[in-house]
C-alpha atoms as a PDB file:
ATOM      1  CA  MET A   1       0.000   0.000   0.000  1.00  0.00           C
ATOM      2  CA  ALA A   2       1.321   3.441  -0.900  1.00  0.00           C
ATOM      3  CA  ALA A   3       2.241   5.811   1.903  1.00  0.00           C
ATOM      4  CA  GLY A   4       0.012   8.804   2.466  1.00  0.00           C
ATOM      5  CA  PRO A   5       1.146  12.391   1.901  1.00  0.00           C
ATOM      6  CA  GLN A   6       1.979  12.920   5.570  1.00  0.00           C
ATOM      7  CA  GLU A   7       3.838   9.606   5.860  1.00  0.00           C
ATOM      8  CA  ARG A   8       6.098   9.881   2.817  1.00  0.00           C
ATOM      9  CA  CYS A   9       9.004  12.279   2.696  1.00  0.00           C
ATOM     10  CA  GLU A  10       9.669  14.088  -0.534  1.00  0.00           C
ATOM     11  CA  PRO A  11      11.004  13.717  -3.168  1.00  0.00           C
ATOM     12  CA  PHE A  12       8.891  11.430  -5.333  1.00  0.00           C
ATOM     13  CA  ALA A  13      11.993  10.405  -7.316  1.00  0.00           C
ATOM     14  CA  LEU A  14      15.597  10.146  -6.154  1.00  0.00           C
ATOM     15  CA  VAL A  15      18.097  10.083  -9.022  1.00  0.00           C
ATOM     16  CA  VAL A  16      21.553   8.860  -8.038  1.00  0.00           C
ATOM     17  CA  GLY A  17      24.824   9.288  -9.900  1.00  0.00           C
ATOM     18  CA  ALA A  18      23.365  10.920 -13.013  1.00  0.00           C
ATOM     19  CA  SER A  19      24.976  13.927 -14.643  1.00  0.00           C
ATOM     20  CA  GLY A  20      24.966  15.750 -17.944  1.00  0.00           C
ATOM     21  CA  GLY A  21      22.548  14.486 -20.562  1.00  0.00           C
ATOM     22  CA  LEU A  22      21.252  11.629 -18.392  1.00  0.00           C
ATOM     23  CA  ALA A  23      20.353  14.019 -15.573  1.00  0.00           C
ATOM     24  CA  ALA A  24      18.667  16.402 -18.019  1.00  0.00           C
ATOM     25  CA  THR A  25      16.656  13.557 -19.553  1.00  0.00           C
ATOM     26  CA  LEU A  26      15.491  12.144 -16.222  1.00  0.00           C
ATOM     27  CA  SER A  27      14.618  15.579 -14.843  1.00  0.00           C
ATOM     28  CA  TYR A  28      12.538  16.161 -17.985  1.00  0.00           C
ATOM     29  CA  LEU A  29      10.611  12.934 -17.338  1.00  0.00           C
ATOM     30  CA  PHE A  30       9.942  13.478 -13.650  1.00  0.00           C
ATOM     31  CA  GLN A  31       9.686  17.272 -13.393  1.00  0.00           C
ATOM     32  CA  VAL A  32       8.156  18.261 -16.743  1.00  0.00           C
ATOM     33  CA  VAL A  33       6.180  15.260 -17.985  1.00  0.00           C
ATOM     34  CA  ALA A  34       5.142  13.788 -14.632  1.00  0.00           C
ATOM     35  CA  ASP A  35       5.235  16.990 -12.539  1.00  0.00           C
ATOM     36  CA  ARG A  36       6.830  15.149  -9.616  1.00  0.00           C
ATOM     37  CA  SER A  37       9.384  16.437  -7.140  1.00  0.00           C
ATOM     38  CA  THR A  38      12.854  15.101  -7.842  1.00  0.00           C
ATOM     39  CA  ARG A  39      16.194  15.142  -6.054  1.00  0.00           C
ATOM     40  CA  PHE A  40      19.598  14.430  -7.562  1.00  0.00           C
ATOM     41  CA  CYS A  41      22.537  13.259  -5.473  1.00  0.00           C
ATOM     42  CA  VAL A  42      25.705  11.164  -5.508  1.00  0.00           C
ATOM     43  CA  ALA A  43      25.848   7.583  -4.311  1.00  0.00           C
ATOM     44  CA  ALA A  44      27.896   8.440  -1.221  1.00  0.00           C
ATOM     45  CA  ARG A  45      25.008  10.542   0.104  1.00  0.00           C
ATOM     46  CA  ALA A  46      22.111   8.455  -1.159  1.00  0.00           C
ATOM     47  CA  GLN A  47      23.173   5.142   0.350  1.00  0.00           C
ATOM     48  CA  PRO A  48      23.231   6.187   4.049  1.00  0.00           C
ATOM     49  CA  ALA A  49      20.150   8.397   3.642  1.00  0.00           C
ATOM     50  CA  LEU A  50      18.122   5.505   2.223  1.00  0.00           C
ATOM     51  CA  ALA A  51      19.459   3.012   4.741  1.00  0.00           C
ATOM     52  CA  ALA A  52      18.551   5.288   7.670  1.00  0.00           C
ATOM     53  CA  GLY A  53      15.148   6.200   6.268  1.00  0.00           C
ATOM     54  CA  ARG A  54      15.987   9.904   6.088  1.00  0.00           C
ATOM     55  CA  VAL A  55      14.645   9.995   2.530  1.00  0.00           C
ATOM     56  CA  ARG A  56      11.735   7.842   1.359  1.00  0.00           C
ATOM     57  CA  PRO A  57      11.075   8.305  -2.347  1.00  0.00           C
ATOM     58  CA  GLU A  58       8.656   6.248  -4.385  1.00  0.00           C
ATOM     59  CA  VAL A  59      11.222   5.801  -7.183  1.00  0.00           C
ATOM     60  CA  VAL A  60      15.007   5.481  -7.065  1.00  0.00           C
ATOM     61  CA  VAL A  61      16.935   5.615 -10.347  1.00  0.00           C
ATOM     62  CA  VAL A  62      20.600   4.625 -10.017  1.00  0.00           C
ATOM     63  CA  ASN A  63      23.189   5.213 -12.713  1.00  0.00           C
ATOM     64  CA  LEU A  64      25.563   2.223 -12.771  1.00  0.00           C
ATOM     65  CA  THR A  65      27.579   3.327 -15.810  1.00  0.00           C
ATOM     66  CA  ARG A  66      30.208   5.310 -13.874  1.00  0.00           C
ATOM     67  CA  GLU A  67      30.534   3.978 -10.322  1.00  0.00           C
ATOM     68  CA  PRO A  68      28.942   0.523 -10.425  1.00  0.00           C
ATOM     69  CA  ASP A  69      30.118  -0.644  -6.987  1.00  0.00           C
ATOM     70  CA  SER A  70      28.785   2.359  -5.043  1.00  0.00           C
ATOM     71  CA  GLY A  71      25.692   2.359  -7.254  1.00  0.00           C
ATOM     72  CA  ARG A  72      24.905  -1.240  -6.326  1.00  0.00           C
ATOM     73  CA  ASP A  73      25.294  -0.277  -2.658  1.00  0.00           C
ATOM     74  CA  VAL A  74      22.533   2.286  -3.234  1.00  0.00           C
ATOM     75  CA  VAL A  75      20.354  -0.400  -4.838  1.00  0.00           C
ATOM     76  CA  ARG A  76      20.859  -2.651  -1.799  1.00  0.00           C
ATOM     77  CA  ALA A  77      20.091   0.181   0.615  1.00  0.00           C
ATOM     78  CA  ALA A  78      16.883   1.051  -1.233  1.00  0.00           C
ATOM     79  CA  ASN A  79      15.934  -2.617  -1.428  1.00  0.00           C
ATOM     80  CA  GLY A  80      16.329  -2.967   2.333  1.00  0.00           C
ATOM     81  CA  ALA A  81      14.595   0.274   3.283  1.00  0.00           C
ATOM     82  CA  GLY A  82      11.485   0.158   5.446  1.00  0.00           C
ATOM     83  CA  HIS A  83       9.640   2.167   2.790  1.00  0.00           C
ATOM     84  CA  ARG A  84      10.485   0.098  -0.292  1.00  0.00           C
ATOM     85  CA  PRO A  85      10.729   2.268  -3.450  1.00  0.00           C
ATOM     86  CA  VAL A  86      10.757   1.124  -7.038  1.00  0.00           C
ATOM     87  CA  VAL A  87      14.439   0.766  -7.908  1.00  0.00           C
ATOM     88  CA  VAL A  88      15.580   1.182 -11.513  1.00  0.00           C
ATOM     89  CA  ALA A  89      19.209   0.768 -12.562  1.00  0.00           C
ATOM     90  CA  VAL A  90      20.668   2.465 -15.636  1.00  0.00           C
ATOM     91  CA  VAL A  91      23.412   0.537 -17.445  1.00  0.00           C
ATOM     92  CA  SER A  92      25.329   0.995 -20.684  1.00  0.00           C
ATOM     93  CA  GLU A  93      23.980  -0.482 -23.898  1.00  0.00           C
ATOM     94  CA  GLY A  94      25.274  -4.034 -24.303  1.00  0.00           C
ATOM     95  CA  ASP A  95      26.571  -4.362 -20.732  1.00  0.00           C
ATOM     96  CA  ASP A  96      24.720  -7.539 -19.813  1.00  0.00           C
ATOM     97  CA  CYS A  97      26.936  -8.211 -16.797  1.00  0.00           C
ATOM     98  CA  ALA A  98      25.976  -4.864 -15.248  1.00  0.00           C
ATOM     99  CA  ALA A  99      22.296  -5.669 -15.761  1.00  0.00           C
ATOM    100  CA  VAL A 100      22.688  -9.040 -14.058  1.00  0.00           C
ATOM    101  CA  GLU A 101      24.577  -7.497 -11.134  1.00  0.00           C
ATOM    102  CA  ALA A 102      21.878  -4.829 -10.760  1.00  0.00           C
ATOM    103  CA  PHE A 103      19.147  -7.458 -10.472  1.00  0.00           C
ATOM    104  CA  LEU A 104      21.237  -9.477  -8.007  1.00  0.00           C
ATOM    105  CA  ALA A 105      21.641  -6.330  -5.879  1.00  0.00           C
ATOM    106  CA  GLY A 106      17.848  -5.985  -5.737  1.00  0.00           C
ATOM    107  CA  ALA A 107      16.855  -3.688  -8.615  1.00  0.00           C
ATOM    108  CA  ASP A 108      13.264  -4.001  -9.796  1.00  0.00           C
ATOM    109  CA  ASP A 109      14.135  -3.115 -13.361  1.00  0.00           C
ATOM    110  CA  VAL A 110      17.066  -2.236 -15.620  1.00  0.00           C
ATOM    111  CA  VAL A 111      17.106   0.269 -18.504  1.00  0.00           C
ATOM    112  CA  ARG A 112      19.921   0.983 -20.922  1.00  0.00           C
ATOM    113  CA  GLU A 113      21.409   4.167 -22.298  1.00  0.00           C
ATOM    114  CA  PRO A 114      20.361   5.956 -24.351  1.00  0.00           C
ATOM    115  CA  LEU A 115      17.098   6.030 -22.415  1.00  0.00           C
ATOM    116  CA  GLN A 116      13.735   5.655 -24.113  1.00  0.00           C
ATOM    117  CA  LEU A 117      11.640   7.857 -21.865  1.00  0.00           C
ATOM    118  CA  ARG A 118       8.231   6.601 -22.891  1.00  0.00           C
ATOM    119  CA  GLU A 119       9.290   3.011 -22.301  1.00  0.00           C
ATOM    120  CA  LEU A 120      10.688   3.968 -18.888  1.00  0.00           C
ATOM    121  CA  ALA A 121       7.428   5.727 -18.008  1.00  0.00           C
ATOM    122  CA  LEU A 122       5.448   2.605 -18.909  1.00  0.00           C
ATOM    123  CA  ARG A 123       7.778   0.394 -16.897  1.00  0.00           C
ATOM    124  CA  LEU A 124       7.397   2.694 -13.895  1.00  0.00           C
ATOM    125  CA  GLU A 125       3.618   2.666 -14.280  1.00  0.00           C
ATOM    126  CA  VAL A 126       3.562  -1.125 -13.867  1.00  0.00           C
ATOM    127  CA  ARG A 127       6.001  -1.157 -10.941  1.00  0.00           C
ATOM    128  CA  LEU A 128       4.247   1.683  -9.112  1.00  0.00           C
ATOM    129  CA  ALA A 129       0.819   0.100  -9.608  1.00  0.00           C
ATOM    130  CA  ASP A 130       2.126  -2.968  -7.772  1.00  0.00           C
ATOM    131  CA  ARG A 131       2.716  -0.633  -4.814  1.00  0.00           C
ATOM    132  CA  GLY A 132      -0.729   0.945  -4.965  1.00  0.00           C
ATOM    133  CA  ILE A 133       0.212   4.062  -6.939  1.00  0.00           C
ATOM    134  CA  HIS A 134      -2.058   4.254  -9.976  1.00  0.00           C
ATOM    135  CA  ASP A 135      -1.684   7.837 -11.231  1.00  0.00           C
ATOM    136  CA  PHE A 136       1.664   7.488 -13.056  1.00  0.00           C
ATOM    137  CA  LYS A 137       0.140   6.832 -16.490  1.00  0.00           C
ATOM    138  CA  PHE A 138       1.998   9.327 -18.647  1.00  0.00           C
ATOM    139  CA  GLY A 139       3.371   6.662 -20.996  1.00  0.00           C
ATOM    140  CA  ARG A 140      -0.155   6.154 -22.361  1.00  0.00           C
ATOM    141  CA  ASP A 141      -0.441   9.781 -23.511  1.00  0.00           C
ATOM    142  CA  GLY A 142       0.452   9.952 -27.201  1.00  0.00           C
ATOM    143  CA  ARG A 143       0.416  13.762 -27.164  1.00  0.00           C
ATOM    144  CA  ILE A 144       3.541  14.046 -25.021  1.00  0.00           C
ATOM    145  CA  ASP A 145       6.874  14.876 -26.666  1.00  0.00           C
ATOM    146  CA  TRP A 146       9.229  12.302 -25.123  1.00  0.00           C
ATOM    147  CA  ASP A 147      12.436  13.755 -26.533  1.00  0.00           C
ATOM    148  CA  ALA A 148      14.129  16.015 -23.970  1.00  0.00           C
ATOM    149  CA  GLU A 149      16.603  17.319 -26.541  1.00  0.00           C
ATOM    150  CA  THR A 150      13.810  18.271 -28.928  1.00  0.00           C
ATOM    151  CA  GLU A 151      12.063  20.134 -26.117  1.00  0.00           C
ATOM    152  CA  MET A 152      15.294  21.899 -25.218  1.00  0.00           C
ATOM    153  CA  ALA A 153      15.789  22.949 -28.848  1.00  0.00           C
ATOM    154  CA  ARG A 154      12.192  24.159 -29.039  1.00  0.00           C
ATOM    155  CA  ARG A 155      12.421  26.258 -25.886  1.00  0.00           C
ATOM    156  CA  ALA A 156      15.697  27.814 -27.029  1.00  0.00           C
ATOM    157  CA  ALA A 157      14.480  28.263 -30.648  1.00  0.00           C
ATOM    158  CA  LEU A 158      17.540  26.485 -32.072  1.00  0.00           C
ATOM    159  CA  THR A 159      17.911  26.020 -35.801  1.00  0.00           C
ATOM    160  CA  ALA A 160      18.145  22.476 -37.217  1.00  0.00           C
ATOM    161  CA  THR A 161      21.940  22.735 -37.470  1.00  0.00           C
ATOM    162  CA  GLU A 162      22.236  24.129 -33.946  1.00  0.00           C
ATOM    163  CA  ALA A 163      20.053  21.302 -32.614  1.00  0.00           C
ATOM    164  CA  ARG A 164      22.326  18.716 -34.278  1.00  0.00           C
ATOM    165  CA  ILE A 165      25.364  20.315 -32.647  1.00  0.00           C
ATOM    166  CA  VAL A 166      23.686  20.293 -29.231  1.00  0.00           C
ATOM    167  CA  HIS A 167      22.691  16.643 -29.728  1.00  0.00           C
ATOM    168  CA  LEU A 168      26.314  15.619 -30.269  1.00  0.00           C
ATOM    169  CA  LEU A 169      27.533  17.718 -27.337  1.00  0.00           C
ATOM    170  CA  MET A 170      24.927  16.187 -25.015  1.00  0.00           C
ATOM    171  CA  GLN A 171      25.813  12.661 -26.120  1.00  0.00           C
ATOM    172  CA  ARG A 172      29.371  13.306 -24.934  1.00  0.00           C
ATOM    173  CA  ASP A 173      28.079  14.129 -21.443  1.00  0.00           C
ATOM    174  CA  GLY A 174      30.460  16.974 -20.623  1.00  0.00           C
ATOM    175  CA  ALA A 175      33.440  15.780 -22.685  1.00  0.00           C
ATOM    176  CA  VAL A 176      35.082  17.971 -25.323  1.00  0.00           C
ATOM    177  CA  VAL A 177      33.837  17.625 -28.911  1.00  0.00           C
ATOM    178  CA  THR A 178      36.352  18.745 -31.535  1.00  0.00           C
ATOM    179  CA  ARG A 179      35.617  20.964 -34.505  1.00  0.00           C
ATOM    180  CA  ASP A 180      36.600  18.115 -36.793  1.00  0.00           C
ATOM    181  CA  GLU A 181      33.989  15.829 -35.204  1.00  0.00           C
ATOM    182  CA  LEU A 182      31.338  18.495 -35.623  1.00  0.00           C
ATOM    183  CA  SER A 183      32.336  19.062 -39.229  1.00  0.00           C
ATOM    184  CA  TRP A 184      31.973  15.379 -40.073  1.00  0.00           C
ATOM    185  CA  ILE A 185      28.543  15.220 -38.418  1.00  0.00           C
ATOM    186  CA  VAL A 186      27.185  18.499 -39.800  1.00  0.00           C
ATOM    187  CA  ASP A 187      28.944  18.785 -43.186  1.00  0.00           C
ATOM    188  CA  GLY A 188      30.241  15.278 -43.875  1.00  0.00           C
ATOM    189  CA  ARG A 189      33.818  16.480 -44.338  1.00  0.00           C
ATOM    190  CA  PRO A 190      36.902  17.261 -42.200  1.00  0.00           C
ATOM    191  CA  TRP A 191      37.263  20.645 -40.565  1.00  0.00           C
ATOM    192  CA  GLU A 192      39.636  23.069 -42.253  1.00  0.00           C
ATOM    193  CA  TYR A 193      41.962  25.140 -40.074  1.00  0.00           C
ATOM    194  CA  GLY A 194      40.819  28.750 -39.914  1.00  0.00           C
ATOM    195  CA  ASP A 195      37.164  27.942 -40.550  1.00  0.00           C
ATOM    196  CA  ARG A 196      35.270  29.736 -37.775  1.00  0.00           C
ATOM    197  CA  LYS A 197      31.810  28.497 -38.772  1.00  0.00           C
ATOM    198  CA  PHE A 198      31.400  26.415 -35.640  1.00  0.00           C
ATOM    199  CA  ASP A 199      32.557  29.275 -33.433  1.00  0.00           C
ATOM    200  CA  VAL A 200      29.679  31.283 -34.896  1.00  0.00           C
ATOM    201  CA  HIS A 201      27.214  28.429 -34.366  1.00  0.00           C
ATOM    202  CA  VAL A 202      28.368  27.882 -30.785  1.00  0.00           C
ATOM    203  CA  ALA A 203      28.123  31.580 -29.962  1.00  0.00           C
ATOM    204  CA  SER A 204      24.521  31.585 -31.201  1.00  0.00           C
ATOM    205  CA  ILE A 205      23.682  28.384 -29.305  1.00  0.00           C
ATOM    206  CA  ARG A 206      25.248  29.728 -26.108  1.00  0.00           C
ATOM    207  CA  ARG A 207      23.210  32.941 -26.329  1.00  0.00           C
ATOM    208  CA  LYS A 208      19.948  31.081 -26.955  1.00  0.00           C
ATOM    209  CA  LEU A 209      20.495  28.482 -24.229  1.00  0.00           C
ATOM    210  CA  GLN A 210      21.350  31.126 -21.666  1.00  0.00           C
ATOM    211  CA  ALA A 211      18.252  33.106 -22.614  1.00  0.00           C
ATOM    212  CA  ALA A 212      16.067  30.019 -22.185  1.00  0.00           C
ATOM    213  CA  PHE A 213      17.736  28.247 -19.254  1.00  0.00           C
ATOM    214  CA  GLY A 214      19.936  30.837 -17.553  1.00  0.00           C
ATOM    215  CA  SER A 215      23.138  29.695 -15.888  1.00  0.00           C
ATOM    216  CA  GLY A 216      21.924  26.090 -15.604  1.00  0.00           C
ATOM    217  CA  ILE A 217      23.551  25.298 -18.946  1.00  0.00           C
ATOM    218  CA  THR A 218      27.102  26.260 -19.882  1.00  0.00           C
ATOM    219  CA  LEU A 219      28.639  25.896 -23.339  1.00  0.00           C
ATOM    220  CA  GLU A 220      32.378  26.325 -23.143  1.00  0.00           C
ATOM    221  CA  THR A 221      34.912  26.869 -25.922  1.00  0.00           C
ATOM    222  CA  VAL A 222      38.054  24.913 -25.063  1.00  0.00           C
ATOM    223  CA  ARG A 223      40.999  26.590 -26.735  1.00  0.00           C
ATOM    224  CA  ALA A 224      42.716  24.526 -29.440  1.00  0.00           C
ATOM    225  CA  GLU A 225      40.386  21.586 -28.703  1.00  0.00           C
ATOM    226  CA  GLY A 226      36.691  22.238 -29.295  1.00  0.00           C
ATOM    227  CA  TYR A 227      33.542  22.694 -27.246  1.00  0.00           C
ATOM    228  CA  ARG A 228      32.037  21.276 -24.070  1.00  0.00           C
ATOM    229  CA  LEU A 229      28.398  21.413 -22.940  1.00  0.00           C
ATOM    230  CA  ASP A 230      27.402  21.068 -19.285  1.00  0.00           C
ATOM    231  CA  VAL A 231      23.660  20.658 -18.647  1.00  0.00           C
ATOM    232  CA  SER A 232      23.953  19.344 -15.079  1.00  0.00           C
ATOM    233  CA  GLY A 233      22.373  22.512 -13.690  1.00  0.00           C
ATOM    234  CA  LEU A 234      19.456  22.587 -16.127  1.00  0.00           C
ATOM    235  CA  ASP A 235      16.234  23.717 -14.457  1.00  0.00           C
ATOM    236  CA  TRP A 236      13.247  22.832 -16.624  1.00  0.00           C
ATOM    237  CA  LEU A 237      10.753  24.349 -14.213  1.00  0.00           C
ATOM    238  CA  ASN A 238      12.207  27.857 -14.428  1.00  0.00           C
ATOM    239  CA  ALA A 239      13.072  27.822 -18.122  1.00  0.00           C
ATOM    240  CA  HIS A 240      11.704  30.459 -20.500  1.00  0.00           C
ATOM    241  CA  SER A 241      10.536  29.557 -24.002  1.00  0.00           C
ATOM    242  CA  SER A 242      11.834  31.786 -26.784  1.00  0.00           C
END
């Protein structure tokens, strides 16, 4: 039976170990689509908080792609909590061993990157219904745009080329993307030294993203290397559409 409003501590969802594009995608699902309170934290903080019952979410999503050992400790802590949440582990595509280890640690479900948000919403609907929560039915709504990147591009009024650049930057999750990589993706040819086209594109993208999302998104030019996008501070709830 689901806990009542006075019994359950917020947040509805606890997301552990996610950063960059994964964090932006999950915050879009929980905060924008589902309109549920969400907290993000690292495994070192989540594990003792769950074990001691200081936080009692209905859903715990644990990223196992970066720190699998500490992530599995979080899964075990959530699995042994007095208020038992739905525990979902995120693993890399093709990493079957990580999926097996997640289930052995006590995860209810495993999803793989890149996430398919509608599928995740439907999986959560089934798991939550087993716990008496029947109002998480967003996966059945065909009107919802399930692509967080598309929504980001829409709110910032990015052009098609700018959206493609942002897509590649987000896929790298905070790592530097070189001008040559961008040139192959956008133009299908190597970058030529002295060509400042991507500097112009990035300047436009930076201006638009800051106008829409404020300081929650930073697009950095790394001298002699390329560009790096950090969306870890993205705040969907306070964003402004262009």
